[in-house]
Amino acid sequence: MNSAPALTHHEESDLPPTPLPTEHKSGQPFWKHIYFWVLLGVVCGVGFGLAFPSHDGTPGLAEQMKPLGDGFIALVKMLIAPIIFFTVVSGIASVGDLKKVGRVGLKALVYFELVTTLAMFIALGAVHLFKPGVGVNYAPSASEVKKLATFTKAADEQSAVDFVLHIIPKTFVGAFAEGEILQVLLLAVLMGIALAKMGKRAEPLTDALHLASQAFFIVVGMVVWLAPIAAFGAMAATVGNAGITALVALVKMMVTFYATCVVFIFVVLGTLAHVFGFSLLKYLRFIKDEILLVLGTSSSESALPPMMAKLERAGCSASVVGIVLPSGYSFNLDGTSIYLAMAIVFLAQATNTPLSFGQELGLMALLLVSSKGAAAVTGGGFITLAATLSATHNPKLVAGLAILIGIDRFMSEARAITNLIGNGLATFIIAKSEGELDREVAAPVLRSS
């Protein structure tokens, strides 16, 4: 079958490069790099939050900066759906071999399940080893139980069947209007398959879709320069609302969680990178700008568009990037898996609720299913956690969620960064295993021989 020309980084010479602030030239002064300004925004936000905190439930000046972060996330989310659609459609249409597309998708799902399962068991080992919840002896107040009503109500409405049905949009346009990643991905895969079946006749439309994706990436390049302001607003609001003293009692949980994420990244992902010929340190340097973007906004979605562009430019084919990276945002949540597994045992320890090893394994099996929809729902981590704890029919565990509300925003930083690192590496690994990686272009992240 004659198909449209592959739209990978190394074959789009007739198109101008897409300018992204997260891609900078070496030798530039540090103040011209976006990561410097994002980091400055984070530091200033923390200082502003400490200087103007909230008092007795009354929002302070720092908390009033929250719309700066929310507005930036809204801008990025506005661009995610069309970028995924255009990239996936043009990528699949250019492959021509539909068996290859199916093989990439299946390989990605198997990889995701294996890695997230391993992440959960590492989290179980860490929380049992350090026992951060032992001695807390927590009993929730009436006001805290009321505060949890939103999460528990949403948890009651979640089920595996609902999640599967939710992937199917009510209308073609509705998927874009609601910004649902999996719905847009489903439409894009179907449209890409259709164009691939049309062969040469579809080339004009495929080229037009690719040009449209280039235009959206240019818009991303403009929007990302607002990230430092967003980082300032988000961090100021978080620190101003929670304060430092409110975190003292939960420092051990935070330290255990962050340490577990670090161990997972450098041991598990580091081993996978080594086996497939990549250098983890080179890879982390390669995506350092996106990591800082996620750190400042506490949302891995904010880095999805620039990550897609950067991975294509690093030699991964458009079809692999388009299939693996967006689906990883729902199925490969390494950081979220660590958090959920650890949070369940932590709450059992904190509320003096005994859980047998068999019960823990059952909850982990439930999490492997329920956590797949966490990224698509606002407050998804808490809703998934509430849904899983509800399955124990133990009201103490569900009410214990109130313990984590105060520090969830701080732990979401590590969750989002771990998710981002895992999804980017998965894309490189699957691209290489499929022969869809240009080794010369990917040299910045390949292991030195």
Foldseek 3Di string as FASTA:
>chain_A
DAFAAFDFQVPVVVDDAQDALCDDDPPDPPVSHLLVLLVVLQVLLLVLLQVFAADPPRHTPLLVLQVLLVVLVVVLLLLVLLLLLLLQLLNLRNVLDVVLLVVLLVVLLVVQLVLLLVLLVLLLVLCVVLVLQAPLQDDFDPVLLVVCVVLLVLLVVDDLVVVVVVLDDPDPVRCSVLSFLSVSLVVSNVNSVVSSVVHPVSNVVSVVSVVVSSVSSNVLNVSSSSLSSSLSSNSSSLCSHLPDVNCPSPVSVLVSLLVSLVCCLCPVVCVVCVVLFWHSVLLCVLCVSLLSSCLSSLALSSSLSVLLSSLSQLFFTSNLSSSQQSQLLQRRQSSLSSVLSNLQVSLCNNNVNDDDPVRSVVLSVLCNSLSSCQSRDDVSSSSSSLSSVVVVVDVSSNSSVSSCPSCVSVSSSSSSSSSNSVSSSSSVSSSVVSVRGDCVSNVSTGDDD
